[in-house]
């Protein structure tokens, strides 16, 4: 899990959650489920916001 970079910055996980909260509810549900599926495939996979969307690495 990524550590906070500074007291006013969010972790990668917090940024993704905030991004999803801003989506229309129906889209947020889908994005959350897809994210869960991808992250559950391997513990080495992480998620962050890149190009204004969740991305995995």
N, C-alpha and C. Protein backbone atom coordinates (compact mmCIF):
# COMPACT_ATOMS: atom_id res chain seq x y z
N UNK A 1 0.84 -1.17 0.00
CA UNK A 1 0.00 0.00 0.00
C UNK A 1 0.89 1.24 0.00
N UNK A 2 0.55 2.18 -0.83
CA UNK A 2 1.36 3.39 -0.95
C UNK A 2 1.19 4.27 0.28
N UNK A 3 2.27 4.84 0.74
CA UNK A 3 2.22 5.74 1.89
C UNK A 3 1.82 7.13 1.42
N UNK A 4 1.31 7.92 2.35
CA UNK A 4 0.97 9.30 2.00
C UNK A 4 2.26 10.06 1.74
N UNK A 5 2.30 10.84 0.67
CA UNK A 5 3.49 11.58 0.28
C UNK A 5 3.69 12.82 1.14
N UNK A 6 2.61 13.46 1.49
CA UNK A 6 2.62 14.65 2.35
C UNK A 6 1.29 14.67 3.08
N UNK A 7 1.19 15.46 4.10
CA UNK A 7 -0.02 15.44 4.92
C UNK A 7 -1.27 15.84 4.14
N UNK A 8 -1.13 16.60 3.06
CA UNK A 8 -2.30 17.05 2.31
C UNK A 8 -2.55 16.23 1.04
N UNK A 9 -1.75 15.22 0.77
CA UNK A 9 -1.93 14.41 -0.43
C UNK A 9 -2.53 13.05 -0.07
N UNK A 10 -3.34 12.54 -0.97
CA UNK A 10 -3.98 11.25 -0.77
C UNK A 10 -3.09 10.12 -1.28
N UNK A 11 -3.26 8.94 -0.70
CA UNK A 11 -2.59 7.76 -1.22
C UNK A 11 -3.21 7.39 -2.56
N UNK A 12 -2.57 6.51 -3.29
CA UNK A 12 -3.12 6.05 -4.57
C UNK A 12 -4.52 5.47 -4.37
N UNK A 13 -4.66 4.65 -3.34
CA UNK A 13 -5.95 4.01 -3.07
C UNK A 13 -7.03 5.05 -2.76
N UNK A 14 -6.68 6.06 -1.99
CA UNK A 14 -7.62 7.14 -1.67
C UNK A 14 -7.99 7.95 -2.91
N UNK A 15 -7.03 8.18 -3.79
CA UNK A 15 -7.30 8.92 -5.03
C UNK A 15 -8.27 8.14 -5.92
N UNK A 16 -8.08 6.83 -6.01
CA UNK A 16 -8.97 6.00 -6.82
C UNK A 16 -10.37 6.03 -6.23
N UNK A 17 -10.48 5.88 -4.92
CA UNK A 17 -11.80 5.91 -4.27
C UNK A 17 -12.50 7.25 -4.50
N UNK A 18 -11.76 8.34 -4.39
CA UNK A 18 -12.33 9.67 -4.61
C UNK A 18 -12.79 9.82 -6.06
N UNK A 19 -12.00 9.31 -6.99
CA UNK A 19 -12.36 9.38 -8.41
C UNK A 19 -13.66 8.62 -8.67
N UNK A 20 -13.76 7.42 -8.13
CA UNK A 20 -14.95 6.60 -8.34
C UNK A 20 -16.18 7.27 -7.73
N UNK A 21 -16.02 7.92 -6.60
CA UNK A 21 -17.15 8.61 -5.95
C UNK A 21 -17.70 9.74 -6.82
N UNK A 22 -16.87 10.30 -7.68
CA UNK A 22 -17.30 11.40 -8.54
C UNK A 22 -18.03 10.92 -9.80
N UNK A 23 -17.98 9.64 -10.07
CA UNK A 23 -18.64 9.09 -11.25
C UNK A 23 -20.14 8.96 -11.00
N UNK A 24 -20.89 8.84 -12.09
CA UNK A 24 -22.31 8.53 -11.96
C UNK A 24 -22.42 7.20 -11.21
N UNK A 25 -23.41 7.06 -10.33
CA UNK A 25 -23.49 5.85 -9.50
C UNK A 25 -23.44 4.53 -10.28
N UNK A 26 -24.14 4.47 -11.40
CA UNK A 26 -24.16 3.22 -12.18
C UNK A 26 -22.76 2.88 -12.72
N UNK A 27 -22.04 3.89 -13.16
CA UNK A 27 -20.68 3.69 -13.68
C UNK A 27 -19.74 3.35 -12.53
N UNK A 28 -19.90 4.01 -11.40
CA UNK A 28 -19.06 3.75 -10.23
C UNK A 28 -19.14 2.30 -9.78
N UNK A 29 -20.34 1.73 -9.82
CA UNK A 29 -20.53 0.33 -9.44
C UNK A 29 -19.74 -0.58 -10.38
N UNK A 30 -19.81 -0.31 -11.66
CA UNK A 30 -19.10 -1.13 -12.65
C UNK A 30 -17.59 -0.98 -12.48
N UNK A 31 -17.11 0.24 -12.35
CA UNK A 31 -15.67 0.48 -12.20
C UNK A 31 -15.15 -0.20 -10.93
N UNK A 32 -15.91 -0.11 -9.86
CA UNK A 32 -15.51 -0.75 -8.60
C UNK A 32 -15.42 -2.26 -8.77
N UNK A 33 -16.38 -2.87 -9.42
CA UNK A 33 -16.37 -4.33 -9.60
C UNK A 33 -15.21 -4.76 -10.48
N UNK A 34 -14.97 -4.05 -11.58
CA UNK A 34 -13.84 -4.38 -12.46
C UNK A 34 -12.52 -4.25 -11.69
N UNK A 35 -12.41 -3.20 -10.91
CA UNK A 35 -11.22 -2.98 -10.10
C UNK A 35 -11.00 -4.12 -9.13
N UNK A 36 -12.06 -4.55 -8.44
CA UNK A 36 -11.96 -5.67 -7.50
C UNK A 36 -11.49 -6.94 -8.20
N UNK A 37 -12.05 -7.21 -9.37
CA UNK A 37 -11.67 -8.42 -10.12
C UNK A 37 -10.19 -8.38 -10.46
N UNK A 38 -9.73 -7.25 -10.99
CA UNK A 38 -8.32 -7.13 -11.39
C UNK A 38 -7.40 -7.25 -10.18
N UNK A 39 -7.70 -6.52 -9.11
CA UNK A 39 -6.84 -6.53 -7.92
C UNK A 39 -6.83 -7.89 -7.24
N UNK A 40 -7.92 -8.64 -7.33
CA UNK A 40 -7.98 -9.97 -6.70
C UNK A 40 -7.20 -11.04 -7.47
N UNK A 41 -6.80 -10.75 -8.70
CA UNK A 41 -6.09 -11.76 -9.48
C UNK A 41 -4.66 -11.98 -8.99
N UNK A 42 -4.04 -10.95 -8.40
CA UNK A 42 -2.65 -11.07 -7.96
C UNK A 42 -2.36 -9.97 -6.93
N UNK A 43 -1.79 -10.34 -5.81
CA UNK A 43 -1.48 -9.39 -4.76
C UNK A 43 -0.42 -8.36 -5.13
N UNK A 44 0.29 -8.60 -6.21
CA UNK A 44 1.33 -7.67 -6.66
C UNK A 44 0.75 -6.52 -7.49
N UNK A 45 -0.49 -6.63 -7.91
CA UNK A 45 -1.11 -5.59 -8.73
C UNK A 45 -1.58 -4.46 -7.83
N UNK A 46 -1.31 -3.24 -8.24
CA UNK A 46 -1.77 -2.05 -7.52
C UNK A 46 -2.52 -1.15 -8.49
N UNK A 47 -3.17 -0.15 -7.94
CA UNK A 47 -4.02 0.73 -8.74
C UNK A 47 -3.69 2.18 -8.40
N UNK A 48 -3.80 3.03 -9.40
CA UNK A 48 -3.59 4.47 -9.20
C UNK A 48 -4.36 5.22 -10.27
N UNK A 49 -4.42 6.53 -10.11
CA UNK A 49 -5.06 7.36 -11.13
C UNK A 49 -3.97 7.82 -12.10
N UNK A 50 -4.22 7.57 -13.37
CA UNK A 50 -3.31 8.01 -14.43
C UNK A 50 -4.18 8.36 -15.63
N UNK A 51 -3.89 9.48 -16.24
CA UNK A 51 -4.71 9.97 -17.36
C UNK A 51 -6.16 10.15 -16.92
N UNK A 52 -6.34 10.57 -15.67
CA UNK A 52 -7.66 10.84 -15.10
C UNK A 52 -8.57 9.62 -15.02
N UNK A 53 -7.99 8.44 -14.90
CA UNK A 53 -8.75 7.20 -14.76
C UNK A 53 -7.94 6.20 -13.95
N UNK A 54 -8.63 5.26 -13.31
CA UNK A 54 -7.89 4.21 -12.60
C UNK A 54 -7.04 3.40 -13.59
N UNK A 55 -5.82 3.11 -13.19
CA UNK A 55 -4.96 2.25 -13.99
C UNK A 55 -4.26 1.28 -13.05
N UNK A 56 -3.78 0.20 -13.59
CA UNK A 56 -3.19 -0.87 -12.80
C UNK A 56 -1.74 -1.07 -13.20
N UNK A 57 -0.94 -1.43 -12.20
CA UNK A 57 0.48 -1.70 -12.46
C UNK A 57 0.97 -2.81 -11.57
